[in-house]
Amino acid sequence: MKYFFSRLQNILLRQVLIVFLIASTFLGFISYGNNIAVAQADVKTPEGIYYKGTPDGNNGQVDNAQSNLKGAVNNVREKLNLDEPIPQSTKRFFKSAERRTEKAVEPLTKTPEGYYQTPQRSR
């Protein structure tokens, strides 16, 4: 009978030890395995295509994109006349709109300035 219980204790001790080692190994892989994946420079897209996350020093694409962007900016600047000064008629229109707004707002706010303007004395 003593032999039976000693064998049972040895078997239980081995099983507990094996389960503990397997669990600690599994948890170790989980905790240290994620850090290894972060250090890699490849990026996987949802389609399953791998892209290198860091550039290889190939500036041809960057230069091409910059030149295309500069061309688009110049085109917009030319179409909208952004380099030209604001015409005098536009300035007069803004001033008249500002005066009309002040006249409409003054009865409500009891001040000539609206909430959108800074007072005259601080200008």
PDB file of N, CA and C in Angstrom:
ATOM      1  N   MET A   1       0.817  -1.186   0.000  1.00  0.00           N
ATOM      2  CA  MET A   1       0.000   0.000   0.000  1.00  0.00           C
ATOM      3  C   MET A   1       0.869   1.261   0.000  1.00  0.00           C
ATOM      4  N   LYS A   2       1.972   1.243   0.788  1.00  0.00           N
ATOM      5  CA  LYS A   2       2.870   2.377   0.817  1.00  0.00           C
ATOM      6  C   LYS A   2       3.470   2.602  -0.574  1.00  0.00           C
ATOM      7  N   TYR A   3       3.786   1.548  -1.233  1.00  0.00           N
ATOM      8  CA  TYR A   3       4.356   1.630  -2.560  1.00  0.00           C
ATOM      9  C   TYR A   3       3.366   2.304  -3.521  1.00  0.00           C
ATOM     10  N   PHE A   4       2.109   1.963  -3.422  1.00  0.00           N
ATOM     11  CA  PHE A   4       1.080   2.533  -4.272  1.00  0.00           C
ATOM     12  C   PHE A   4       0.966   4.052  -4.072  1.00  0.00           C
ATOM     13  N   PHE A   5       0.927   4.482  -2.798  1.00  0.00           N
ATOM     14  CA  PHE A   5       0.803   5.915  -2.514  1.00  0.00           C
ATOM     15  C   PHE A   5       2.061   6.691  -2.899  1.00  0.00           C
ATOM     16  N   SER A   6       3.222   6.104  -2.738  1.00  0.00           N
ATOM     17  CA  SER A   6       4.452   6.798  -3.138  1.00  0.00           C
ATOM     18  C   SER A   6       4.513   6.950  -4.659  1.00  0.00           C
ATOM     19  N   ARG A   7       4.080   5.914  -5.391  1.00  0.00           N
ATOM     20  CA  ARG A   7       4.023   6.014  -6.853  1.00  0.00           C
ATOM     21  C   ARG A   7       2.995   7.059  -7.289  1.00  0.00           C
ATOM     22  N   LEU A   8       1.861   7.101  -6.619  1.00  0.00           N
ATOM     23  CA  LEU A   8       0.815   8.074  -6.932  1.00  0.00           C
ATOM     24  C   LEU A   8       1.324   9.500  -6.699  1.00  0.00           C
ATOM     25  N   GLN A   9       2.035   9.718  -5.592  1.00  0.00           N
ATOM     26  CA  GLN A   9       2.590  11.036  -5.303  1.00  0.00           C
ATOM     27  C   GLN A   9       3.632  11.430  -6.351  1.00  0.00           C
ATOM     28  N   ASN A  10       4.479  10.500  -6.773  1.00  0.00           N
ATOM     29  CA  ASN A  10       5.492  10.791  -7.788  1.00  0.00           C
ATOM     30  C   ASN A  10       4.841  11.153  -9.126  1.00  0.00           C
ATOM     31  N   ILE A  11       3.782  10.407  -9.492  1.00  0.00           N
ATOM     32  CA  ILE A  11       3.105  10.675 -10.758  1.00  0.00           C
ATOM     33  C   ILE A  11       2.419  12.042 -10.708  1.00  0.00           C
ATOM     34  N   LEU A  12       1.732  12.363  -9.615  1.00  0.00           N
ATOM     35  CA  LEU A  12       1.069  13.660  -9.484  1.00  0.00           C
ATOM     36  C   LEU A  12       2.085  14.796  -9.484  1.00  0.00           C
ATOM     37  N   LEU A  13       3.209  14.590  -8.807  1.00  0.00           N
ATOM     38  CA  LEU A  13       4.246  15.616  -8.767  1.00  0.00           C
ATOM     39  C   LEU A  13       4.800  15.859 -10.166  1.00  0.00           C
ATOM     40  N   ARG A  14       5.023  14.802 -10.945  1.00  0.00           N
ATOM     41  CA  ARG A  14       5.514  14.953 -12.307  1.00  0.00           C
ATOM     42  C   ARG A  14       4.498  15.688 -13.183  1.00  0.00           C
ATOM     43  N   GLN A  15       3.241  15.314 -13.071  1.00  0.00           N
ATOM     44  CA  GLN A  15       2.213  15.960 -13.891  1.00  0.00           C
ATOM     45  C   GLN A  15       2.088  17.438 -13.557  1.00  0.00           C
ATOM     46  N   VAL A  16       2.122  17.780 -12.293  1.00  0.00           N
ATOM     47  CA  VAL A  16       2.032  19.181 -11.900  1.00  0.00           C
ATOM     48  C   VAL A  16       3.244  19.937 -12.411  1.00  0.00           C
ATOM     49  N   LEU A  17       4.421  19.340 -12.295  1.00  0.00           N
ATOM     50  CA  LEU A  17       5.639  19.981 -12.768  1.00  0.00           C
ATOM     51  C   LEU A  17       5.604  20.177 -14.287  1.00  0.00           C
ATOM     52  N   ILE A  18       5.148  19.209 -15.026  1.00  0.00           N
ATOM     53  CA  ILE A  18       5.065  19.306 -16.485  1.00  0.00           C
ATOM     54  C   ILE A  18       4.060  20.387 -16.893  1.00  0.00           C
ATOM     55  N   VAL A  19       2.903  20.415 -16.259  1.00  0.00           N
ATOM     56  CA  VAL A  19       1.895  21.434 -16.574  1.00  0.00           C
ATOM     57  C   VAL A  19       2.443  22.825 -16.260  1.00  0.00           C
ATOM     58  N   PHE A  20       3.150  22.977 -15.153  1.00  0.00           N
ATOM     59  CA  PHE A  20       3.738  24.267 -14.790  1.00  0.00           C
ATOM     60  C   PHE A  20       4.773  24.698 -15.825  1.00  0.00           C
ATOM     61  N   LEU A  21       5.644  23.803 -16.265  1.00  0.00           N
ATOM     62  CA  LEU A  21       6.652  24.146 -17.261  1.00  0.00           C
ATOM     63  C   LEU A  21       6.027  24.521 -18.604  1.00  0.00           C
ATOM     64  N   ILE A  22       5.010  23.786 -19.011  1.00  0.00           N
ATOM     65  CA  ILE A  22       4.333  24.093 -20.278  1.00  0.00           C
ATOM     66  C   ILE A  22       3.642  25.454 -20.193  1.00  0.00           C
ATOM     67  N   ALA A  23       2.973  25.733 -19.099  1.00  0.00           N
ATOM     68  CA  ALA A  23       2.275  27.013 -18.945  1.00  0.00           C
ATOM     69  C   ALA A  23       3.269  28.173 -18.914  1.00  0.00           C
ATOM     70  N   SER A  24       4.380  28.015 -18.190  1.00  0.00           N
ATOM     71  CA  SER A  24       5.356  29.106 -18.129  1.00  0.00           C
ATOM     72  C   SER A  24       6.018  29.323 -19.494  1.00  0.00           C
ATOM     73  N   THR A  25       6.264  28.238 -20.231  1.00  0.00           N
ATOM     74  CA  THR A  25       6.822  28.377 -21.579  1.00  0.00           C
ATOM     75  C   THR A  25       5.844  29.101 -22.496  1.00  0.00           C
ATOM     76  N   PHE A  26       4.593  28.720 -22.434  1.00  0.00           N
ATOM     77  CA  PHE A  26       3.569  29.348 -23.257  1.00  0.00           C
ATOM     78  C   PHE A  26       3.444  30.835 -22.938  1.00  0.00           C
ATOM     79  N   LEU A  27       3.390  31.181 -21.668  1.00  0.00           N
ATOM     80  CA  LEU A  27       3.286  32.588 -21.280  1.00  0.00           C
ATOM     81  C   LEU A  27       4.555  33.361 -21.651  1.00  0.00           C
ATOM     82  N   GLY A  28       5.702  32.716 -21.577  1.00  0.00           N
ATOM     83  CA  GLY A  28       6.944  33.367 -21.977  1.00  0.00           C
ATOM     84  C   GLY A  28       6.964  33.676 -23.458  1.00  0.00           C
ATOM     85  N   PHE A  29       6.492  32.749 -24.283  1.00  0.00           N
ATOM     86  CA  PHE A  29       6.424  32.993 -25.718  1.00  0.00           C
ATOM     87  C   PHE A  29       5.465  34.131 -26.037  1.00  0.00           C
ATOM     88  N   ILE A  30       4.375  34.189 -25.322  1.00  0.00           N
ATOM     89  CA  ILE A  30       3.406  35.262 -25.570  1.00  0.00           C
ATOM     90  C   ILE A  30       4.005  36.612 -25.198  1.00  0.00           C
ATOM     91  N   SER A  31       4.636  36.688 -24.037  1.00  0.00           N
ATOM     92  CA  SER A  31       5.134  37.994 -23.591  1.00  0.00           C
ATOM     93  C   SER A  31       6.346  38.453 -24.383  1.00  0.00           C
ATOM     94  N   TYR A  32       7.243  37.568 -24.759  1.00  0.00           N
ATOM     95  CA  TYR A  32       8.434  37.961 -25.502  1.00  0.00           C
ATOM     96  C   TYR A  32       8.255  37.849 -27.008  1.00  0.00           C
ATOM     97  N   GLY A  33       7.289  37.118 -27.460  1.00  0.00           N
ATOM     98  CA  GLY A  33       7.073  36.945 -28.887  1.00  0.00           C
ATOM     99  C   GLY A  33       6.563  38.211 -29.554  1.00  0.00           C
ATOM    100  N   ASN A  34       5.767  39.020 -28.852  1.00  0.00           N
ATOM    101  CA  ASN A  34       5.230  40.248 -29.440  1.00  0.00           C
ATOM    102  C   ASN A  34       6.328  41.274 -29.667  1.00  0.00           C
ATOM    103  N   ASN A  35       7.331  41.321 -28.819  1.00  0.00           N
ATOM    104  CA  ASN A  35       8.411  42.296 -28.986  1.00  0.00           C
ATOM    105  C   ASN A  35       9.231  42.001 -30.230  1.00  0.00           C
ATOM    106  N   ILE A  36       9.361  40.764 -30.575  1.00  0.00           N
ATOM    107  CA  ILE A  36      10.113  40.404 -31.771  1.00  0.00           C
ATOM    108  C   ILE A  36       9.371  40.867 -33.017  1.00  0.00           C
ATOM    109  N   ALA A  37       8.048  40.736 -33.035  1.00  0.00           N
ATOM    110  CA  ALA A  37       7.266  41.139 -34.197  1.00  0.00           C
ATOM    111  C   ALA A  37       7.289  42.651 -34.378  1.00  0.00           C
ATOM    112  N   VAL A  38       7.391  43.410 -33.292  1.00  0.00           N
ATOM    113  CA  VAL A  38       7.411  44.861 -33.388  1.00  0.00           C
ATOM    114  C   VAL A  38       8.709  45.337 -34.019  1.00  0.00           C
ATOM    115  N   ALA A  39       9.802  44.622 -33.788  1.00  0.00           N
ATOM    116  CA  ALA A  39      11.101  45.048 -34.287  1.00  0.00           C
ATOM    117  C   ALA A  39      11.231  44.842 -35.796  1.00  0.00           C
ATOM    118  N   GLN A  40      10.374  44.048 -36.389  1.00  0.00           N
ATOM    119  CA  GLN A  40      10.471  43.816 -37.824  1.00  0.00           C
ATOM    120  C   GLN A  40       9.965  45.029 -38.586  1.00  0.00           C
ATOM    121  N   ALA A  41      10.530  45.260 -39.745  1.00  0.00           N
ATOM    122  CA  ALA A  41      10.193  46.440 -40.520  1.00  0.00           C
ATOM    123  C   ALA A  41       9.181  46.147 -41.618  1.00  0.00           C
ATOM    124  N   ASP A  42       8.701  44.924 -41.752  1.00  0.00           N
ATOM    125  CA  ASP A  42       7.750  44.593 -42.802  1.00  0.00           C
ATOM    126  C   ASP A  42       6.334  44.836 -42.315  1.00  0.00           C
ATOM    127  N   VAL A  43       5.469  45.265 -43.224  1.00  0.00           N
ATOM    128  CA  VAL A  43       4.084  45.545 -42.907  1.00  0.00           C
ATOM    129  C   VAL A  43       3.221  44.662 -43.786  1.00  0.00           C
ATOM    130  N   LYS A  44       2.271  43.965 -43.171  1.00  0.00           N
ATOM    131  CA  LYS A  44       1.376  43.117 -43.937  1.00  0.00           C
ATOM    132  C   LYS A  44       0.026  43.812 -44.042  1.00  0.00           C
ATOM    133  N   THR A  45      -0.459  43.960 -45.260  1.00  0.00           N
ATOM    134  CA  THR A  45      -1.744  44.602 -45.500  1.00  0.00           C
ATOM    135  C   THR A  45      -2.854  43.564 -45.362  1.00  0.00           C
ATOM    136  N   PRO A  46      -4.116  44.013 -45.284  1.00  0.00           N
ATOM    137  CA  PRO A  46      -5.216  43.050 -45.201  1.00  0.00           C
ATOM    138  C   PRO A  46      -5.296  42.117 -46.400  1.00  0.00           C
ATOM    139  N   GLU A  47      -4.740  42.543 -47.526  1.00  0.00           N
ATOM    140  CA  GLU A  47      -4.763  41.688 -48.711  1.00  0.00           C
ATOM    141  C   GLU A  47      -3.691  40.610 -48.647  1.00  0.00           C
ATOM    142  N   GLY A  48      -2.810  40.672 -47.649  1.00  0.00           N
ATOM    143  CA  GLY A  48      -1.763  39.679 -47.510  1.00  0.00           C
ATOM    144  C   GLY A  48      -0.489  40.040 -48.226  1.00  0.00           C
ATOM    145  N   ILE A  49      -0.336  41.291 -48.618  1.00  0.00           N
ATOM    146  CA  ILE A  49       0.866  41.729 -49.337  1.00  0.00           C
ATOM    147  C   ILE A  49       1.820  42.344 -48.321  1.00  0.00           C
ATOM    148  N   TYR A  50       3.073  41.971 -48.400  1.00  0.00           N
ATOM    149  CA  TYR A  50       4.072  42.520 -47.492  1.00  0.00           C
ATOM    150  C   TYR A  50       4.749  43.725 -48.132  1.00  0.00           C
ATOM    151  N   TYR A  51       4.881  44.775 -47.346  1.00  0.00           N
ATOM    152  CA  TYR A  51       5.599  45.968 -47.781  1.00  0.00           C
ATOM    153  C   TYR A  51       6.697  46.257 -46.770  1.00  0.00           C
ATOM    154  N   LYS A  52       7.798  46.752 -47.255  1.00  0.00           N
ATOM    155  CA  LYS A  52       8.878  47.121 -46.353  1.00  0.00           C
ATOM    156  C   LYS A  52       8.508  48.446 -45.708  1.00  0.00           C
ATOM    157  N   GLY A  53       8.557  48.503 -44.379  1.00  0.00           N
ATOM    158  CA  GLY A  53       8.133  49.677 -43.636  1.00  0.00           C
ATOM    159  C   GLY A  53       9.150  50.792 -43.625  1.00  0.00           C
ATOM    160  N   THR A  54      10.401  50.493 -43.894  1.00  0.00           N
ATOM    161  CA  THR A  54      11.423  51.533 -43.897  1.00  0.00           C
ATOM    162  C   THR A  54      11.945  51.705 -45.319  1.00  0.00           C
ATOM    163  N   PRO A  55      12.245  52.944 -45.715  1.00  0.00           N
ATOM    164  CA  PRO A  55      12.704  53.152 -47.092  1.00  0.00           C
ATOM    165  C   PRO A  55      14.105  52.592 -47.311  1.00  0.00           C
ATOM    166  N   ASP A  56      14.387  52.225 -48.542  1.00  0.00           N
ATOM    167  CA  ASP A  56      15.694  51.679 -48.920  1.00  0.00           C
ATOM    168  C   ASP A  56      16.673  52.757 -49.353  1.00  0.00           C
ATOM    169  N   GLY A  57      16.296  54.001 -49.219  1.00  0.00           N
ATOM    170  CA  GLY A  57      17.138  55.073 -49.715  1.00  0.00           C
ATOM    171  C   GLY A  57      16.797  55.426 -51.151  1.00  0.00           C
ATOM    172  N   ASN A  58      15.716  54.886 -51.669  1.00  0.00           N
ATOM    173  CA  ASN A  58      15.280  55.161 -53.033  1.00  0.00           C
ATOM    174  C   ASN A  58      14.478  56.456 -53.008  1.00  0.00           C
ATOM    175  N   ASN A  59      15.127  57.554 -53.323  1.00  0.00           N
ATOM    176  CA  ASN A  59      14.467  58.855 -53.280  1.00  0.00           C
ATOM    177  C   ASN A  59      13.811  59.226 -54.594  1.00  0.00           C
ATOM    178  N   GLY A  60      13.870  58.369 -55.584  1.00  0.00           N
ATOM    179  CA  GLY A  60      13.261  58.661 -56.880  1.00  0.00           C
ATOM    180  C   GLY A  60      11.764  58.852 -56.754  1.00  0.00           C
ATOM    181  N   GLN A  61      11.104  58.004 -55.983  1.00  0.00           N
ATOM    182  CA  GLN A  61       9.664  58.121 -55.809  1.00  0.00           C
ATOM    183  C   GLN A  61       9.319  59.372 -55.012  1.00  0.00           C
ATOM    184  N   VAL A  62      10.120  59.667 -54.005  1.00  0.00           N
ATOM    185  CA  VAL A  62       9.870  60.852 -53.185  1.00  0.00           C
ATOM    186  C   VAL A  62      10.043  62.107 -54.019  1.00  0.00           C
ATOM    187  N   ASP A  63      11.112  62.163 -54.806  1.00  0.00           N
ATOM    188  CA  ASP A  63      11.342  63.324 -55.657  1.00  0.00           C
ATOM    189  C   ASP A  63      10.234  63.485 -56.690  1.00  0.00           C
ATOM    190  N   ASN A  64       9.778  62.367 -57.252  1.00  0.00           N
ATOM    191  CA  ASN A  64       8.698  62.396 -58.231  1.00  0.00           C
ATOM    192  C   ASN A  64       7.413  62.919 -57.587  1.00  0.00           C
ATOM    193  N   ALA A  65       7.110  62.438 -56.398  1.00  0.00           N
ATOM    194  CA  ALA A  65       5.900  62.889 -55.711  1.00  0.00           C
ATOM    195  C   ALA A  65       5.991  64.372 -55.363  1.00  0.00           C
ATOM    196  N   GLN A  66       7.166  64.814 -54.937  1.00  0.00           N
ATOM    197  CA  GLN A  66       7.334  66.231 -54.601  1.00  0.00           C
ATOM    198  C   GLN A  66       7.171  67.117 -55.833  1.00  0.00           C
ATOM    199  N   SER A  67       7.728  66.696 -56.947  1.00  0.00           N
ATOM    200  CA  SER A  67       7.598  67.517 -58.157  1.00  0.00           C
ATOM    201  C   SER A  67       6.151  67.563 -58.630  1.00  0.00           C
ATOM    202  N   ASN A  68       5.433  66.442 -58.528  1.00  0.00           N
ATOM    203  CA  ASN A  68       4.023  66.430 -58.906  1.00  0.00           C
ATOM    204  C   ASN A  68       3.207  67.337 -57.987  1.00  0.00           C
ATOM    205  N   LEU A  69       3.530  67.302 -56.692  1.00  0.00           N
ATOM    206  CA  LEU A  69       2.812  68.127 -55.738  1.00  0.00           C
ATOM    207  C   LEU A  69       3.095  69.605 -55.970  1.00  0.00           C
ATOM    208  N   LYS A  70       4.349  69.937 -56.256  1.00  0.00           N
ATOM    209  CA  LYS A  70       4.687  71.335 -56.543  1.00  0.00           C
ATOM    210  C   LYS A  70       3.963  71.816 -57.797  1.00  0.00           C
ATOM    211  N   GLY A  71       3.853  70.953 -58.782  1.00  0.00           N
ATOM    212  CA  GLY A  71       3.125  71.307 -59.998  1.00  0.00           C
ATOM    213  C   GLY A  71       1.655  71.559 -59.713  1.00  0.00           C
ATOM    214  N   ALA A  72       1.050  70.725 -58.864  1.00  0.00           N
ATOM    215  CA  ALA A  72      -0.357  70.905 -58.521  1.00  0.00           C
ATOM    216  C   ALA A  72      -0.559  72.198 -57.730  1.00  0.00           C
ATOM    217  N   VAL A  73       0.359  72.503 -56.821  1.00  0.00           N
ATOM    218  CA  VAL A  73       0.253  73.733 -56.027  1.00  0.00           C
ATOM    219  C   VAL A  73       0.373  74.955 -56.930  1.00  0.00           C
ATOM    220  N   ASN A  74       1.310  74.928 -57.840  1.00  0.00           N
ATOM    221  CA  ASN A  74       1.468  76.054 -58.764  1.00  0.00           C
ATOM    222  C   ASN A  74       0.245  76.222 -59.655  1.00  0.00           C
ATOM    223  N   ASN A  75      -0.350  75.117 -60.065  1.00  0.00           N
ATOM    224  CA  ASN A  75      -1.544  75.159 -60.895  1.00  0.00           C
ATOM    225  C   ASN A  75      -2.704  75.805 -60.134  1.00  0.00           C
ATOM    226  N   VAL A  76      -2.900  75.404 -58.872  1.00  0.00           N
ATOM    227  CA  VAL A  76      -3.977  75.976 -58.061  1.00  0.00           C
ATOM    228  C   VAL A  76      -3.709  77.454 -57.813  1.00  0.00           C
ATOM    229  N   ARG A  77      -2.453  77.805 -57.503  1.00  0.00           N
ATOM    230  CA  ARG A  77      -2.102  79.205 -57.256  1.00  0.00           C
ATOM    231  C   ARG A  77      -2.389  80.062 -58.499  1.00  0.00           C
ATOM    232  N   GLU A  78      -2.096  79.511 -59.667  1.00  0.00           N
ATOM    233  CA  GLU A  78      -2.329  80.249 -60.911  1.00  0.00           C
ATOM    234  C   GLU A  78      -3.823  80.396 -61.197  1.00  0.00           C
ATOM    235  N   LYS A  79      -4.593  79.310 -61.009  1.00  0.00           N
ATOM    236  CA  LYS A  79      -6.031  79.342 -61.313  1.00  0.00           C
ATOM    237  C   LYS A  79      -6.786  80.274 -60.376  1.00  0.00           C
ATOM    238  N   LEU A  80      -6.381  80.320 -59.104  1.00  0.00           N
ATOM    239  CA  LEU A  80      -7.098  81.146 -58.130  1.00  0.00           C
ATOM    240  C   LEU A  80      -6.499  82.541 -57.972  1.00  0.00           C
ATOM    241  N   ASN A  81      -5.455  82.857 -58.718  1.00  0.00           N
ATOM    242  CA  ASN A  81      -4.807  84.166 -58.659  1.00  0.00           C
ATOM    243  C   ASN A  81      -4.360  84.512 -57.237  1.00  0.00           C
ATOM    244  N   LEU A  82      -3.737  83.584 -56.578  1.00  0.00           N
ATOM    245  CA  LEU A  82      -3.334  83.799 -55.195  1.00  0.00           C
ATOM    246  C   LEU A  82      -2.126  84.719 -55.065  1.00  0.00           C
ATOM    247  N   ASP A  83      -1.379  84.920 -56.123  1.00  0.00           N
ATOM    248  CA  ASP A  83      -0.203  85.781 -56.064  1.00  0.00           C
ATOM    249  C   ASP A  83      -0.553  87.254 -56.267  1.00  0.00           C
ATOM    250  N   GLU A  84      -1.753  87.533 -56.742  1.00  0.00           N
ATOM    251  CA  GLU A  84      -2.149  88.907 -57.018  1.00  0.00           C
ATOM    252  C   GLU A  84      -2.752  89.536 -55.760  1.00  0.00           C
ATOM    253  N   PRO A  85      -2.621  90.855 -55.618  1.00  0.00           N
ATOM    254  CA  PRO A  85      -3.231  91.512 -54.457  1.00  0.00           C
ATOM    255  C   PRO A  85      -4.760  91.509 -54.575  1.00  0.00           C
ATOM    256  N   ILE A  86      -5.415  91.696 -53.429  1.00  0.00           N
ATOM    257  CA  ILE A  86      -6.877  91.717 -53.413  1.00  0.00           C
ATOM    258  C   ILE A  86      -7.341  92.995 -54.103  1.00  0.00           C
ATOM    259  N   PRO A  87      -8.293  92.889 -55.037  1.00  0.00           N
ATOM    260  CA  PRO A  87      -8.765  94.082 -55.740  1.00  0.00           C
ATOM    261  C   PRO A  87      -9.451  95.075 -54.791  1.00  0.00           C
ATOM    262  N   GLN A  88      -9.399  96.332 -55.146  1.00  0.00           N
ATOM    263  CA  GLN A  88      -9.976  97.394 -54.314  1.00  0.00           C
ATOM    264  C   GLN A  88     -11.488  97.214 -54.187  1.00  0.00           C
ATOM    265  N   SER A  89     -12.146  96.729 -55.243  1.00  0.00           N
ATOM    266  CA  SER A  89     -13.597  96.535 -55.186  1.00  0.00           C
ATOM    267  C   SER A  89     -13.971  95.464 -54.151  1.00  0.00           C
ATOM    268  N   THR A  90     -13.155  94.435 -54.037  1.00  0.00           N
ATOM    269  CA  THR A  90     -13.417  93.394 -53.040  1.00  0.00           C
ATOM    270  C   THR A  90     -13.241  93.947 -51.638  1.00  0.00           C
ATOM    271  N   LYS A  91     -12.223  94.773 -51.437  1.00  0.00           N
ATOM    272  CA  LYS A  91     -12.021  95.387 -50.124  1.00  0.00           C
ATOM    273  C   LYS A  91     -13.202  96.283 -49.759  1.00  0.00           C
ATOM    274  N   ARG A  92     -13.711  97.059 -50.746  1.00  0.00           N
ATOM    275  CA  ARG A  92     -14.869  97.916 -50.479  1.00  0.00           C
ATOM    276  C   ARG A  92     -16.098  97.077 -50.136  1.00  0.00           C
ATOM    277  N   PHE A  93     -16.279  95.946 -50.836  1.00  0.00           N
ATOM    278  CA  PHE A  93     -17.420  95.075 -50.554  1.00  0.00           C
ATOM    279  C   PHE A  93     -17.345  94.535 -49.121  1.00  0.00           C
ATOM    280  N   PHE A  94     -16.163  94.097 -48.688  1.00  0.00           N
ATOM    281  CA  PHE A  94     -16.021  93.575 -47.329  1.00  0.00           C
ATOM    282  C   PHE A  94     -16.296  94.661 -46.298  1.00  0.00           C
ATOM    283  N   LYS A  95     -15.824  95.874 -46.544  1.00  0.00           N
ATOM    284  CA  LYS A  95     -16.066  96.978 -45.609  1.00  0.00           C
ATOM    285  C   LYS A  95     -17.556  97.300 -45.511  1.00  0.00           C
ATOM    286  N   SER A  96     -18.247  97.343 -46.670  1.00  0.00           N
ATOM    287  CA  SER A  96     -19.687  97.644 -46.637  1.00  0.00           C
ATOM    288  C   SER A  96     -20.458  96.528 -45.939  1.00  0.00           C
ATOM    289  N   ALA A  97     -20.071  95.273 -46.162  1.00  0.00           N
ATOM    290  CA  ALA A  97     -20.732  94.156 -45.486  1.00  0.00           C
ATOM    291  C   ALA A  97     -20.491  94.226 -43.978  1.00  0.00           C
ATOM    292  N   GLU A  98     -19.298  94.636 -43.584  1.00  0.00           N
ATOM    293  CA  GLU A  98     -18.991  94.770 -42.164  1.00  0.00           C
ATOM    294  C   GLU A  98     -19.826  95.884 -41.533  1.00  0.00           C
ATOM    295  N   ARG A  99     -19.976  97.009 -42.219  1.00  0.00           N
ATOM    296  CA  ARG A  99     -20.783  98.114 -41.690  1.00  0.00           C
ATOM    297  C   ARG A  99     -22.250  97.717 -41.587  1.00  0.00           C
ATOM    298  N   ARG A 100     -22.770  97.033 -42.599  1.00  0.00           N
ATOM    299  CA  ARG A 100     -24.177  96.603 -42.545  1.00  0.00           C
ATOM    300  C   ARG A 100     -24.406  95.612 -41.415  1.00  0.00           C
ATOM    301  N   THR A 101     -23.446  94.729 -41.178  1.00  0.00           N
ATOM    302  CA  THR A 101     -23.571  93.768 -40.091  1.00  0.00           C
ATOM    303  C   THR A 101     -23.535  94.480 -38.744  1.00  0.00           C
ATOM    304  N   GLU A 102     -22.663  95.475 -38.603  1.00  0.00           N
ATOM    305  CA  GLU A 102     -22.600  96.237 -37.359  1.00  0.00           C
ATOM    306  C   GLU A 102     -23.920  96.944 -37.083  1.00  0.00           C
ATOM    307  N   LYS A 103     -24.536  97.528 -38.123  1.00  0.00           N
ATOM    308  CA  LYS A 103     -25.818  98.208 -37.947  1.00  0.00           C
ATOM    309  C   LYS A 103     -26.907  97.227 -37.543  1.00  0.00           C
ATOM    310  N   ALA A 104     -26.855  95.991 -38.083  1.00  0.00           N
ATOM    311  CA  ALA A 104     -27.871  94.999 -37.745  1.00  0.00           C
ATOM    312  C   ALA A 104     -27.669  94.429 -36.346  1.00  0.00           C
ATOM    313  N   VAL A 105     -26.440  94.359 -35.889  1.00  0.00           N
ATOM    314  CA  VAL A 105     -26.138  93.719 -34.602  1.00  0.00           C
ATOM    315  C   VAL A 105     -26.235  94.715 -33.447  1.00  0.00           C
ATOM    316  N   GLU A 106     -26.026  96.000 -33.700  1.00  0.00           N
ATOM    317  CA  GLU A 106     -25.975  96.994 -32.626  1.00  0.00           C
ATOM    318  C   GLU A 106     -27.250  97.029 -31.776  1.00  0.00           C
ATOM    319  N   PRO A 107     -28.454  96.949 -32.346  1.00  0.00           N
ATOM    320  CA  PRO A 107     -29.641  96.948 -31.477  1.00  0.00           C
ATOM    321  C   PRO A 107     -29.716  95.722 -30.567  1.00  0.00           C
ATOM    322  N   LEU A 108     -29.146  94.615 -30.985  1.00  0.00           N
ATOM    323  CA  LEU A 108     -29.200  93.396 -30.172  1.00  0.00           C
ATOM    324  C   LEU A 108     -28.142  93.376 -29.079  1.00  0.00           C
ATOM    325  N   THR A 109     -26.945  93.826 -29.392  1.00  0.00           N
ATOM    326  CA  THR A 109     -25.846  93.734 -28.426  1.00  0.00           C
ATOM    327  C   THR A 109     -25.639  95.022 -27.646  1.00  0.00           C
ATOM    328  N   LYS A 110     -26.254  96.108 -28.064  1.00  0.00           N
ATOM    329  CA  LYS A 110     -26.124  97.422 -27.442  1.00  0.00           C
ATOM    330  C   LYS A 110     -24.700  97.967 -27.525  1.00  0.00           C
ATOM    331  N   THR A 111     -23.896  97.416 -28.399  1.00  0.00           N
ATOM    332  CA  THR A 111     -22.547  97.920 -28.639  1.00  0.00           C
ATOM    333  C   THR A 111     -22.317  97.928 -30.142  1.00  0.00           C
ATOM    334  N   PRO A 112     -21.463  98.819 -30.627  1.00  0.00           N
ATOM    335  CA  PRO A 112     -21.217  98.830 -32.072  1.00  0.00           C
ATOM    336  C   PRO A 112     -20.397  97.639 -32.527  1.00  0.00           C
ATOM    337  N   GLU A 113     -19.638  97.020 -31.623  1.00  0.00           N
ATOM    338  CA  GLU A 113     -18.834  95.866 -32.017  1.00  0.00           C
ATOM    339  C   GLU A 113     -19.658  94.596 -31.818  1.00  0.00           C
ATOM    340  N   GLY A 114     -19.461  93.652 -32.679  1.00  0.00           N
ATOM    341  CA  GLY A 114     -20.111  92.361 -32.525  1.00  0.00           C
ATOM    342  C   GLY A 114     -19.201  91.389 -31.785  1.00  0.00           C
ATOM    343  N   TYR A 115     -19.694  90.213 -31.524  1.00  0.00           N
ATOM    344  CA  TYR A 115     -18.889  89.214 -30.823  1.00  0.00           C
ATOM    345  C   TYR A 115     -17.705  88.758 -31.669  1.00  0.00           C
ATOM    346  N   TYR A 116     -17.774  88.960 -32.977  1.00  0.00           N
ATOM    347  CA  TYR A 116     -16.739  88.499 -33.891  1.00  0.00           C
ATOM    348  C   TYR A 116     -15.610  89.498 -34.051  1.00  0.00           C
ATOM    349  N   GLN A 117     -15.740  90.697 -33.472  1.00  0.00           N
ATOM    350  CA  GLN A 117     -14.735  91.736 -33.639  1.00  0.00           C
ATOM    351  C   GLN A 117     -14.070  92.053 -32.313  1.00  0.00           C
ATOM    352  N   THR A 118     -12.872  92.569 -32.412  1.00  0.00           N
ATOM    353  CA  THR A 118     -12.238  93.116 -31.215  1.00  0.00           C
ATOM    354  C   THR A 118     -12.640  94.577 -31.103  1.00  0.00           C
ATOM    355  N   PRO A 119     -12.736  95.119 -29.920  1.00  0.00           N
ATOM    356  CA  PRO A 119     -13.140  96.527 -29.776  1.00  0.00           C
ATOM    357  C   PRO A 119     -12.162  97.457 -30.468  1.00  0.00           C
ATOM    358  N   GLN A 120     -12.640  98.626 -30.870  1.00  0.00           N
ATOM    359  CA  GLN A 120     -11.836  99.605 -31.604  1.00  0.00           C
ATOM    360  C   GLN A 120     -10.611 100.030 -30.827  1.00  0.00           C
ATOM    361  N   ARG A 121     -10.716 100.188 -29.500  1.00  0.00           N
ATOM    362  CA  ARG A 121      -9.609 100.695 -28.717  1.00  0.00           C
ATOM    363  C   ARG A 121      -8.451  99.711 -28.631  1.00  0.00           C
ATOM    364  N   SER A 122      -8.667  98.438 -28.879  1.00  0.00           N
ATOM    365  CA  SER A 122      -7.569  97.469 -28.804  1.00  0.00           C
ATOM    366  C   SER A 122      -6.986  97.136 -30.173  1.00  0.00           C
ATOM    367  N   ARG A 123      -7.531  97.703 -31.238  1.00  0.00           N
ATOM    368  CA  ARG A 123      -7.023  97.432 -32.576  1.00  0.00           C
ATOM    369  C   ARG A 123      -5.733  98.088 -32.839  1.00  0.00           C
TER     370      ARG A 123
END
